[in-house]
Each structure stands twice: as C-alpha cells, then as structure tokens.
N, C-alpha and C. Protein backbone atom coordinates (compact mmCIF):
# COMPACT_ATOMS: atom_id res chain seq x y z
N UNK A 1 0.85 -1.18 0.00
CA UNK A 1 0.00 0.00 0.00
C UNK A 1 0.89 1.24 0.00
N UNK A 2 0.43 2.25 -0.69
CA UNK A 2 1.08 3.56 -0.66
C UNK A 2 0.01 4.57 -0.26
N UNK A 3 0.41 5.54 0.54
CA UNK A 3 -0.53 6.57 0.96
C UNK A 3 0.16 7.92 0.84
N UNK A 4 -0.62 8.91 0.45
CA UNK A 4 -0.11 10.27 0.38
C UNK A 4 -1.25 11.25 0.60
N UNK A 5 -0.90 12.49 0.79
CA UNK A 5 -1.91 13.54 0.89
C UNK A 5 -1.86 14.36 -0.39
N UNK A 6 -3.04 14.77 -0.85
CA UNK A 6 -3.12 15.58 -2.06
C UNK A 6 -4.01 16.78 -1.81
N UNK A 7 -3.78 17.83 -2.56
CA UNK A 7 -4.64 19.00 -2.49
C UNK A 7 -6.02 18.57 -2.99
N UNK A 8 -7.09 18.85 -2.23
CA UNK A 8 -8.42 18.39 -2.62
C UNK A 8 -8.92 18.97 -3.95
N UNK A 9 -8.40 20.11 -4.35
CA UNK A 9 -8.85 20.74 -5.60
C UNK A 9 -7.98 20.33 -6.77
N UNK A 10 -6.66 20.51 -6.63
CA UNK A 10 -5.75 20.25 -7.75
C UNK A 10 -5.31 18.79 -7.83
N UNK A 11 -5.45 18.06 -6.72
CA UNK A 11 -5.00 16.68 -6.59
C UNK A 11 -3.49 16.53 -6.68
N UNK A 12 -2.77 17.62 -6.49
CA UNK A 12 -1.31 17.59 -6.48
C UNK A 12 -0.83 17.10 -5.12
N UNK A 13 0.23 16.27 -5.10
CA UNK A 13 0.75 15.76 -3.83
C UNK A 13 1.21 16.89 -2.91
N UNK A 14 1.02 16.70 -1.61
CA UNK A 14 1.43 17.68 -0.60
C UNK A 14 2.63 17.14 0.17
N UNK A 15 3.30 18.02 0.86
CA UNK A 15 4.48 17.65 1.62
C UNK A 15 4.15 17.06 2.98
N UNK A 16 5.19 16.56 3.62
CA UNK A 16 5.07 15.99 4.96
C UNK A 16 4.46 17.01 5.91
N UNK A 17 3.47 16.58 6.68
CA UNK A 17 2.83 17.44 7.67
C UNK A 17 1.73 18.33 7.14
N UNK A 18 1.60 18.43 5.82
CA UNK A 18 0.54 19.27 5.25
C UNK A 18 -0.78 18.51 5.25
N UNK A 19 -1.86 19.19 5.60
CA UNK A 19 -3.18 18.57 5.64
C UNK A 19 -3.81 18.62 4.25
N UNK A 20 -4.27 17.47 3.81
CA UNK A 20 -4.94 17.36 2.52
C UNK A 20 -5.80 16.11 2.51
N UNK A 21 -6.28 15.75 1.33
CA UNK A 21 -7.08 14.54 1.22
C UNK A 21 -6.15 13.34 1.19
N UNK A 22 -6.48 12.33 1.97
CA UNK A 22 -5.69 11.11 1.98
C UNK A 22 -6.02 10.29 0.73
N UNK A 23 -4.99 9.81 0.07
CA UNK A 23 -5.15 9.01 -1.14
C UNK A 23 -4.31 7.74 -0.98
N UNK A 24 -4.89 6.60 -1.35
CA UNK A 24 -4.19 5.32 -1.19
C UNK A 24 -4.14 4.57 -2.52
N UNK A 25 -3.05 3.82 -2.67
CA UNK A 25 -2.89 3.00 -3.87
C UNK A 25 -2.32 1.66 -3.43
N UNK A 26 -2.74 0.62 -4.08
CA UNK A 26 -2.28 -0.71 -3.74
C UNK A 26 -3.44 -1.68 -3.85
N UNK A 27 -3.63 -2.47 -2.81
CA UNK A 27 -4.68 -3.46 -2.81
C UNK A 27 -5.99 -2.80 -2.39
N UNK A 28 -6.58 -2.06 -3.32
CA UNK A 28 -7.88 -1.41 -3.11
C UNK A 28 -8.80 -1.82 -4.26
N UNK A 29 -10.03 -1.41 -4.18
CA UNK A 29 -10.99 -1.74 -5.23
C UNK A 29 -10.47 -1.30 -6.60
N UNK A 30 -10.70 -2.09 -7.62
CA UNK A 30 -10.24 -1.69 -8.96
C UNK A 30 -11.11 -0.60 -9.58
N UNK A 31 -12.24 -0.29 -8.98
CA UNK A 31 -13.12 0.73 -9.53
C UNK A 31 -14.55 0.53 -9.09
N UNK A 32 -15.40 1.40 -9.54
CA UNK A 32 -16.81 1.34 -9.16
C UNK A 32 -17.53 0.26 -9.96
N UNK A 33 -18.31 -0.55 -9.29
CA UNK A 33 -19.03 -1.62 -9.96
C UNK A 33 -20.05 -1.04 -10.92
N UNK A 34 -19.90 -1.34 -12.18
CA UNK A 34 -20.79 -0.88 -13.25
C UNK A 34 -20.99 0.64 -13.24
N UNK A 35 -19.94 1.35 -12.84
CA UNK A 35 -20.03 2.81 -12.82
C UNK A 35 -18.69 3.45 -13.13
N UNK A 36 -18.12 3.16 -14.32
CA UNK A 36 -16.79 3.70 -14.63
C UNK A 36 -16.74 5.23 -14.61
N UNK A 37 -17.89 5.89 -14.81
CA UNK A 37 -17.90 7.35 -14.76
C UNK A 37 -17.62 7.86 -13.35
N UNK A 38 -17.89 7.04 -12.34
CA UNK A 38 -17.62 7.42 -10.95
C UNK A 38 -16.14 7.31 -10.61
N UNK A 39 -15.40 6.50 -11.40
CA UNK A 39 -13.97 6.33 -11.14
C UNK A 39 -13.19 7.62 -11.32
N UNK A 40 -13.66 8.51 -12.18
CA UNK A 40 -12.97 9.79 -12.40
C UNK A 40 -12.92 10.59 -11.10
N UNK A 41 -13.98 10.51 -10.31
CA UNK A 41 -14.02 11.22 -9.03
C UNK A 41 -13.28 10.45 -7.93
N UNK A 42 -13.26 9.12 -8.04
CA UNK A 42 -12.71 8.30 -6.97
C UNK A 42 -11.21 8.03 -7.09
N UNK A 43 -10.64 8.16 -8.28
CA UNK A 43 -9.23 7.85 -8.50
C UNK A 43 -8.54 8.99 -9.22
N UNK A 44 -7.26 9.21 -8.86
CA UNK A 44 -6.50 10.22 -9.60
C UNK A 44 -5.79 9.56 -10.78
N UNK A 45 -5.06 10.35 -11.55
CA UNK A 45 -4.40 9.84 -12.76
C UNK A 45 -3.35 8.78 -12.47
N UNK A 46 -2.83 8.74 -11.25
CA UNK A 46 -1.80 7.76 -10.88
C UNK A 46 -2.35 6.52 -10.20
N UNK A 47 -3.69 6.38 -10.19
CA UNK A 47 -4.31 5.20 -9.62
C UNK A 47 -4.53 5.26 -8.11
N UNK A 48 -4.35 6.42 -7.51
CA UNK A 48 -4.62 6.57 -6.08
C UNK A 48 -6.12 6.74 -5.87
N UNK A 49 -6.66 6.02 -4.89
CA UNK A 49 -8.06 6.13 -4.52
C UNK A 49 -8.20 7.31 -3.55
N UNK A 50 -9.06 8.26 -3.90
CA UNK A 50 -9.29 9.44 -3.07
C UNK A 50 -10.32 9.09 -2.00
N UNK A 51 -9.91 9.13 -0.75
CA UNK A 51 -10.72 8.60 0.34
C UNK A 51 -11.82 9.53 0.85
N UNK A 52 -11.67 10.84 0.62
CA UNK A 52 -12.61 11.79 1.21
C UNK A 52 -12.25 12.14 2.64
N UNK A 53 -11.15 11.55 3.14
CA UNK A 53 -10.67 11.85 4.49
C UNK A 53 -9.60 12.92 4.43
N UNK A 54 -9.60 13.81 5.41
CA UNK A 54 -8.55 14.81 5.56
C UNK A 54 -7.53 14.29 6.54
N UNK A 55 -6.27 14.53 6.23
CA UNK A 55 -5.23 14.10 7.15
C UNK A 55 -3.88 14.60 6.71
N UNK A 56 -2.89 14.19 7.45
CA UNK A 56 -1.51 14.53 7.11
C UNK A 56 -0.64 13.30 7.35
N UNK A 57 0.49 13.29 6.70
CA UNK A 57 1.47 12.24 6.94
C UNK A 57 2.62 12.92 7.67
N UNK A 58 2.84 12.50 8.89
CA UNK A 58 3.82 13.15 9.76
C UNK A 58 5.24 12.69 9.42
N UNK A 59 6.24 13.44 9.89
CA UNK A 59 7.64 13.08 9.59
C UNK A 59 8.01 11.65 9.98
N UNK A 60 7.36 11.10 11.01
CA UNK A 60 7.68 9.72 11.42
C UNK A 60 6.91 8.68 10.61
N UNK A 61 6.12 9.15 9.60
CA UNK A 61 5.38 8.24 8.74
C UNK A 61 3.97 7.94 9.20
N UNK A 62 3.61 8.39 10.37
CA UNK A 62 2.26 8.14 10.87
C UNK A 62 1.25 9.03 10.13
N UNK A 63 0.07 8.47 9.93
CA UNK A 63 -1.02 9.19 9.30
C UNK A 63 -1.88 9.80 10.41
N UNK A 64 -2.13 11.09 10.28
CA UNK A 64 -2.96 11.77 11.29
C UNK A 64 -4.28 12.17 10.64
N UNK A 65 -5.34 11.56 11.12
CA UNK A 65 -6.69 11.84 10.62
C UNK A 65 -7.13 13.21 11.11
N UNK A 66 -7.70 14.04 10.22
CA UNK A 66 -8.12 15.39 10.58
C UNK A 66 -9.60 15.65 10.31
N UNK A 67 -10.33 14.66 9.82
CA UNK A 67 -11.75 14.84 9.57
C UNK A 67 -12.15 14.37 8.19
N UNK A 68 -13.37 14.66 7.84
CA UNK A 68 -13.90 14.28 6.52
C UNK A 68 -13.95 15.52 5.64
N UNK A 69 -13.58 15.38 4.40
CA UNK A 69 -13.60 16.48 3.45
C UNK A 69 -15.01 17.05 3.31
N UNK A 70 -16.02 16.18 3.36
CA UNK A 70 -17.41 16.62 3.22
C UNK A 70 -17.86 17.49 4.39
N UNK A 71 -17.18 17.39 5.54
CA UNK A 71 -17.54 18.18 6.71
C UNK A 71 -16.82 19.53 6.75
N UNK A 72 -15.89 19.76 5.82
CA UNK A 72 -15.12 21.00 5.81
C UNK A 72 -16.05 22.21 5.77
N UNK A 73 -15.77 23.18 6.61
CA UNK A 73 -16.56 24.41 6.66
C UNK A 73 -15.85 25.45 5.81
N UNK A 74 -16.58 26.07 4.90
CA UNK A 74 -16.01 27.11 4.04
C UNK A 74 -16.60 28.44 4.49
N UNK A 75 -15.77 29.23 5.18
CA UNK A 75 -16.24 30.49 5.74
C UNK A 75 -15.42 31.66 5.21
N UNK A 76 -16.06 32.57 4.52
CA UNK A 76 -15.37 33.74 4.00
C UNK A 76 -14.19 33.40 3.11
N UNK A 77 -14.28 32.30 2.36
CA UNK A 77 -13.20 31.90 1.46
C UNK A 77 -12.12 31.05 2.10
N UNK A 78 -12.22 30.77 3.39
CA UNK A 78 -11.23 29.95 4.09
C UNK A 78 -11.86 28.63 4.52
N UNK A 79 -11.05 27.58 4.58
CA UNK A 79 -11.52 26.27 5.00
C UNK A 79 -11.21 26.04 6.47
N UNK A 80 -12.19 25.47 7.17
CA UNK A 80 -12.02 25.14 8.58
C UNK A 80 -12.39 23.68 8.77
N UNK A 81 -11.47 22.91 9.34
CA UNK A 81 -11.74 21.51 9.66
C UNK A 81 -12.41 21.45 11.03
N UNK A 82 -13.64 20.95 11.12
CA UNK A 82 -14.33 20.88 12.41
C UNK A 82 -13.52 20.19 13.49
N UNK A 83 -12.79 19.15 13.13
CA UNK A 83 -12.01 18.39 14.11
C UNK A 83 -10.98 19.28 14.82
N UNK A 84 -10.38 20.20 14.09
CA UNK A 84 -9.39 21.11 14.69
C UNK A 84 -10.04 21.98 15.77
N UNK A 85 -11.21 22.53 15.47
CA UNK A 85 -11.91 23.38 16.43
C UNK A 85 -12.39 22.54 17.62
N UNK A 86 -12.88 21.33 17.34
CA UNK A 86 -13.32 20.44 18.43
C UNK A 86 -12.17 20.12 19.38
N UNK A 87 -10.98 19.87 18.82
CA UNK A 87 -9.81 19.56 19.66
C UNK A 87 -9.48 20.72 20.59
N UNK A 88 -9.58 21.94 20.11
CA UNK A 88 -9.31 23.11 20.95
C UNK A 88 -10.38 23.24 22.04
N UNK A 89 -11.64 23.12 21.65
CA UNK A 89 -12.71 23.21 22.64
C UNK A 89 -12.54 22.16 23.74
N UNK A 90 -12.14 20.96 23.36
CA UNK A 90 -11.96 19.88 24.34
C UNK A 90 -10.78 20.10 25.28
N UNK A 91 -9.88 21.01 24.92
CA UNK A 91 -8.76 21.35 25.81
C UNK A 91 -9.21 22.25 26.96
N UNK A 92 -10.36 22.91 26.80
CA UNK A 92 -10.87 23.77 27.87
C UNK A 92 -11.27 22.88 29.05
N UNK A 93 -10.86 23.23 30.26
CA UNK A 93 -11.13 22.35 31.41
C UNK A 93 -12.60 22.13 31.74
N UNK A 94 -13.50 23.01 31.28
CA UNK A 94 -14.92 22.86 31.60
C UNK A 94 -15.70 22.08 30.54
N UNK A 95 -15.07 21.78 29.41
CA UNK A 95 -15.79 21.15 28.29
C UNK A 95 -15.61 19.64 28.31
N UNK A 96 -16.74 18.92 28.27
CA UNK A 96 -16.75 17.46 28.28
C UNK A 96 -16.78 16.92 26.85
N UNK A 97 -17.65 17.50 26.02
CA UNK A 97 -17.72 17.10 24.61
C UNK A 97 -18.00 18.32 23.77
N UNK A 98 -17.53 18.28 22.51
CA UNK A 98 -17.69 19.40 21.59
C UNK A 98 -17.90 18.86 20.19
N UNK A 99 -18.85 19.47 19.48
CA UNK A 99 -19.15 19.07 18.10
C UNK A 99 -19.33 20.34 17.28
N UNK A 100 -18.62 20.41 16.16
CA UNK A 100 -18.58 21.62 15.33
C UNK A 100 -19.15 21.31 13.96
N UNK A 101 -19.98 22.24 13.48
CA UNK A 101 -20.59 22.13 12.16
C UNK A 101 -20.56 23.51 11.48
N UNK A 102 -20.77 23.50 10.18
CA UNK A 102 -20.93 24.74 9.44
C UNK A 102 -22.40 25.07 9.31
N UNK A 103 -22.72 26.35 9.49
CA UNK A 103 -24.11 26.81 9.31
C UNK A 103 -24.13 27.84 8.19
N UNK A 104 -25.18 27.79 7.39
CA UNK A 104 -25.31 28.72 6.28
C UNK A 104 -25.30 30.17 6.78
N UNK A 105 -24.63 31.03 6.01
CA UNK A 105 -24.56 32.45 6.33
C UNK A 105 -24.55 33.24 5.02
N UNK A 106 -25.36 34.29 4.97
CA UNK A 106 -25.47 35.07 3.73
C UNK A 106 -24.17 35.71 3.30
N UNK A 107 -23.44 36.29 4.23
CA UNK A 107 -22.23 37.03 3.83
C UNK A 107 -20.98 36.16 3.72
N UNK A 108 -20.85 35.13 4.56
CA UNK A 108 -19.62 34.32 4.57
C UNK A 108 -19.77 32.96 3.91
N UNK A 109 -20.97 32.60 3.49
CA UNK A 109 -21.21 31.27 2.95
C UNK A 109 -21.58 30.32 4.07
N UNK A 110 -20.67 30.16 5.04
CA UNK A 110 -20.92 29.37 6.23
C UNK A 110 -20.23 30.04 7.41
N UNK A 111 -20.72 29.75 8.59
CA UNK A 111 -20.05 30.17 9.82
C UNK A 111 -19.77 28.92 10.65
N UNK A 112 -18.82 29.04 11.55
CA UNK A 112 -18.47 27.95 12.45
C UNK A 112 -19.43 27.98 13.64
N UNK A 113 -20.09 26.86 13.89
CA UNK A 113 -21.01 26.74 15.03
C UNK A 113 -20.59 25.52 15.84
N UNK A 114 -20.74 25.63 17.15
CA UNK A 114 -20.35 24.52 18.03
C UNK A 114 -21.42 24.28 19.08
N UNK A 115 -21.59 23.02 19.41
CA UNK A 115 -22.44 22.62 20.54
C UNK A 115 -21.52 21.89 21.51
N UNK A 116 -21.56 22.30 22.77
CA UNK A 116 -20.68 21.71 23.77
C UNK A 116 -21.47 21.26 24.99
N UNK A 117 -20.89 20.30 25.70
CA UNK A 117 -21.41 19.90 27.00
C UNK A 117 -20.38 20.32 28.03
N UNK A 118 -20.84 20.97 29.10
CA UNK A 118 -19.95 21.40 30.17
C UNK A 118 -19.95 20.39 31.31
N UNK A 119 -18.88 20.38 32.08
CA UNK A 119 -18.83 19.56 33.29
C UNK A 119 -19.96 20.00 34.20
N UNK A 120 -20.50 19.11 34.97
CA UNK A 120 -21.70 19.41 35.76
C UNK A 120 -21.54 20.60 36.69
N UNK A 121 -20.38 20.80 37.28
CA UNK A 121 -20.19 21.91 38.22
C UNK A 121 -19.70 23.19 37.55
N UNK A 122 -19.47 23.14 36.24
CA UNK A 122 -18.91 24.31 35.54
C UNK A 122 -19.97 25.39 35.34
N UNK A 123 -19.56 26.65 35.52
CA UNK A 123 -20.50 27.75 35.23
C UNK A 123 -20.71 27.86 33.72
N UNK A 124 -21.86 28.37 33.35
CA UNK A 124 -22.19 28.52 31.93
C UNK A 124 -21.57 29.83 31.44
N UNK A 125 -20.32 29.78 31.02
CA UNK A 125 -19.59 30.98 30.65
C UNK A 125 -19.05 30.88 29.22
N UNK A 126 -19.90 31.18 28.26
CA UNK A 126 -19.49 31.08 26.86
C UNK A 126 -18.40 32.08 26.51
N UNK A 127 -18.41 33.25 27.15
CA UNK A 127 -17.40 34.27 26.85
C UNK A 127 -15.99 33.77 27.12
N UNK A 128 -15.79 33.08 28.24
CA UNK A 128 -14.44 32.58 28.55
C UNK A 128 -14.05 31.43 27.62
N UNK A 129 -15.01 30.64 27.20
CA UNK A 129 -14.70 29.54 26.28
C UNK A 129 -14.31 30.11 24.91
N UNK A 130 -15.02 31.13 24.45
CA UNK A 130 -14.66 31.76 23.16
C UNK A 130 -13.32 32.47 23.27
N UNK A 131 -13.02 33.10 24.39
CA UNK A 131 -11.71 33.74 24.59
C UNK A 131 -10.60 32.69 24.55
N UNK A 132 -10.86 31.53 25.15
CA UNK A 132 -9.93 30.41 25.12
C UNK A 132 -9.65 30.00 23.67
N UNK A 133 -10.70 29.93 22.85
CA UNK A 133 -10.55 29.58 21.44
C UNK A 133 -9.75 30.64 20.69
N UNK A 134 -10.02 31.92 20.96
CA UNK A 134 -9.31 33.00 20.27
C UNK A 134 -7.81 32.97 20.52
N UNK A 135 -7.40 32.46 21.69
CA UNK A 135 -5.98 32.35 22.01
C UNK A 135 -5.30 31.23 21.22
N UNK A 136 -6.07 30.28 20.71
CA UNK A 136 -5.50 29.08 20.12
C UNK A 136 -5.84 28.86 18.65
N UNK A 137 -6.79 29.63 18.14
CA UNK A 137 -7.24 29.45 16.76
C UNK A 137 -7.17 30.76 15.98
N UNK A 138 -7.04 30.65 14.69
CA UNK A 138 -7.18 31.83 13.83
C UNK A 138 -8.59 32.38 13.99
N UNK A 139 -8.76 33.66 13.85
CA UNK A 139 -10.05 34.31 14.09
C UNK A 139 -11.18 33.65 13.32
N UNK A 140 -10.97 33.29 12.07
CA UNK A 140 -12.04 32.72 11.25
C UNK A 140 -12.44 31.31 11.69
N UNK A 141 -11.64 30.69 12.56
CA UNK A 141 -11.95 29.34 13.05
C UNK A 141 -12.71 29.34 14.38
N UNK A 142 -12.77 30.48 15.05
CA UNK A 142 -13.45 30.58 16.34
C UNK A 142 -14.96 30.50 16.10
N UNK A 143 -15.67 29.67 16.86
CA UNK A 143 -17.12 29.55 16.65
C UNK A 143 -17.83 30.90 16.76
N UNK A 144 -18.72 31.13 15.81
CA UNK A 144 -19.57 32.31 15.83
C UNK A 144 -20.78 32.03 16.70
N UNK A 145 -21.26 30.79 16.67
CA UNK A 145 -22.36 30.35 17.52
C UNK A 145 -21.84 29.25 18.44
N UNK A 146 -22.20 29.37 19.71
CA UNK A 146 -21.79 28.39 20.70
C UNK A 146 -23.00 28.03 21.55
N UNK A 147 -23.44 26.79 21.43
CA UNK A 147 -24.61 26.32 22.19
C UNK A 147 -24.14 25.36 23.27
N UNK A 148 -24.73 25.50 24.43
CA UNK A 148 -24.41 24.59 25.54
C UNK A 148 -25.59 23.63 25.70
N UNK A 149 -25.26 22.35 25.74
CA UNK A 149 -26.29 21.31 25.82
C UNK A 149 -25.94 20.27 26.88
N UNK A 150 -26.95 19.60 27.36
CA UNK A 150 -26.75 18.43 28.22
C UNK A 150 -26.42 17.25 27.31
N UNK A 151 -25.76 16.25 27.85
CA UNK A 151 -25.36 15.08 27.06
C UNK A 151 -26.54 14.46 26.33
N UNK A 152 -27.68 14.37 26.99
CA UNK A 152 -28.86 13.73 26.40
C UNK A 152 -29.49 14.56 25.28
N UNK A 153 -29.09 15.82 25.14
CA UNK A 153 -29.70 16.70 24.15
C UNK A 153 -28.98 16.72 22.80
N UNK A 154 -27.92 15.95 22.66
CA UNK A 154 -27.23 15.87 21.38
C UNK A 154 -27.92 14.83 20.51
N UNK A 155 -28.22 15.17 19.24
CA UNK A 155 -28.86 14.18 18.36
C UNK A 155 -27.86 13.06 18.02
N UNK A 156 -28.34 11.84 18.05
CA UNK A 156 -27.46 10.69 17.82
C UNK A 156 -28.03 9.76 16.76
N UNK A 157 -27.12 9.05 16.13
CA UNK A 157 -27.50 8.02 15.17
C UNK A 157 -27.90 6.77 15.97
N UNK A 158 -28.47 5.77 15.31
CA UNK A 158 -28.80 4.53 16.03
C UNK A 158 -27.59 3.86 16.69
N UNK A 159 -26.38 4.12 16.18
CA UNK A 159 -25.18 3.53 16.78
C UNK A 159 -24.58 4.41 17.87
N UNK A 160 -25.21 5.55 18.18
CA UNK A 160 -24.75 6.39 19.26
C UNK A 160 -23.82 7.52 18.87
N UNK A 161 -23.46 7.61 17.60
CA UNK A 161 -22.59 8.70 17.16
C UNK A 161 -23.41 9.99 17.04
N UNK A 162 -22.74 11.12 17.14
CA UNK A 162 -23.43 12.40 16.97
C UNK A 162 -23.89 12.53 15.52
N UNK A 163 -25.14 12.88 15.33
CA UNK A 163 -25.72 13.06 14.01
C UNK A 163 -25.55 14.52 13.61
N UNK A 164 -24.44 14.81 12.92
CA UNK A 164 -24.08 16.21 12.62
C UNK A 164 -25.09 16.92 11.71
N UNK A 165 -25.67 16.26 10.71
CA UNK A 165 -26.68 16.98 9.92
C UNK A 165 -27.86 17.45 10.77
N UNK A 166 -28.31 16.61 11.68
CA UNK A 166 -29.42 17.01 12.54
C UNK A 166 -28.97 18.07 13.55
N UNK A 167 -27.75 17.97 14.04
CA UNK A 167 -27.21 19.00 14.94
C UNK A 167 -27.18 20.35 14.23
N UNK A 168 -26.75 20.35 12.98
CA UNK A 168 -26.71 21.58 12.18
C UNK A 168 -28.12 22.18 12.07
N UNK A 169 -29.11 21.33 11.79
CA UNK A 169 -30.50 21.80 11.69
C UNK A 169 -30.98 22.37 13.02
N UNK A 170 -30.70 21.69 14.11
CA UNK A 170 -31.14 22.16 15.41
C UNK A 170 -30.48 23.49 15.78
N UNK A 171 -29.20 23.64 15.49
CA UNK A 171 -28.53 24.91 15.78
C UNK A 171 -29.07 26.03 14.93
N UNK A 172 -29.46 25.72 13.69
CA UNK A 172 -30.06 26.74 12.82
C UNK A 172 -31.41 27.19 13.36
N UNK A 173 -32.21 26.24 13.86
CA UNK A 173 -33.50 26.57 14.45
C UNK A 173 -33.30 27.42 15.71
N UNK A 174 -32.32 27.01 16.55
CA UNK A 174 -32.01 27.77 17.76
C UNK A 174 -31.61 29.21 17.41
N UNK A 175 -30.80 29.36 16.36
CA UNK A 175 -30.34 30.70 15.96
C UNK A 175 -31.50 31.54 15.43
N UNK A 176 -32.44 30.88 14.77
CA UNK A 176 -33.58 31.62 14.18
C UNK A 176 -34.49 32.21 15.26
N UNK A 177 -34.51 31.60 16.44
CA UNK A 177 -35.39 32.10 17.48
C UNK A 177 -34.71 33.09 18.42
N UNK A 178 -33.38 33.28 18.23
CA UNK A 178 -32.67 34.25 19.05
C UNK A 178 -33.02 35.66 18.62
N UNK A 179 -33.14 36.61 19.56
CA UNK A 179 -33.39 37.98 19.16
C UNK A 179 -32.19 38.56 18.45
N UNK A 180 -32.42 39.42 17.50
CA UNK A 180 -31.31 40.01 16.72
C UNK A 180 -30.57 41.06 17.51
C-alpha cells in the first residue's frame, strides 16, 4: 500500500505534515461496480483512490486523521476543519464534549457553530470559552455560535454517534429564534 496527501482541488501531492485529502494505492478496489464514470471522481491519474478523508502524513510516517472532506466548513473563502476546532474546545477544562458544524450564512457562505457539553459543576460561561478559542485558533476558526447542551440533548444516530446533519438543523432553528 502507498498513501499520500493531495490537495483536494488540484490533486497535487502535498508535503510531509501538510493537511490534505488522503489518497491510497495498492490493494484497493479496482473501480466502481458498473459505474466507470464514478472512477474519475474516486481515483487520480496515478491510480490513487481518493478517500474523502482529511489528514496529514507526519515526519515519522504516521497518518494523522483530521476529519472528513465533506464536513469541511467554508467560511469567508477559508476552510475550517471541524475536528481542529473540536480539539481546541476539548482542551478547555470545563468542556466534556464538543461538536462543530458549518451553518449557512449570507455574507460568509458558512459560519463555524459549536455545541458543547460542560462539566456538571462548571459555570455557563461562553465568553471565557470563546476567549480560550481566540488564544488558540485563527479568528475565522473561532465559533460564531456556541450552544451549551446536556449530554442527552445531542442528536445521535442509532449507533450512538453524533448526528451532525441534525445537529446543524437544530442549531439553525435555535439561531432563528434568538433575538437580533
């Protein structure tokens, strides 16, 4: 097997440590069953299968998963990987879980929105959590909307994973009822 990262748009190989789409070649599917037109999207010119996963290949050869390309948030012309923002939110001592999604926005295309669960004894202080994010993230990556929820209030799939499309819808509804 061979693995590399490529630019999601140009499909050009990226360097060590750069985040891009993970592409693999070797013992993988030879193509789409009865759908050769789909192979153009699934494979590059060198026979690498484009996984749809974001990641990097570190100097020691380890692959670091960074999220799904389909979940990438495009805000004001910049790309934000939800996993990166979630990792920062989870570093805050009061945050138990964090889930980040993109929400539609007229001026920026999308904005970064997050739903978090706080530790039971933690005060509900969104300002300090956002300040924490501003110290660790580029301005465009800091959540514009931050919702605090109880563990039971996160939408889940039948297997227990967070259902991000439904979370996105719920945050949009919550935002629509907020006063301007």
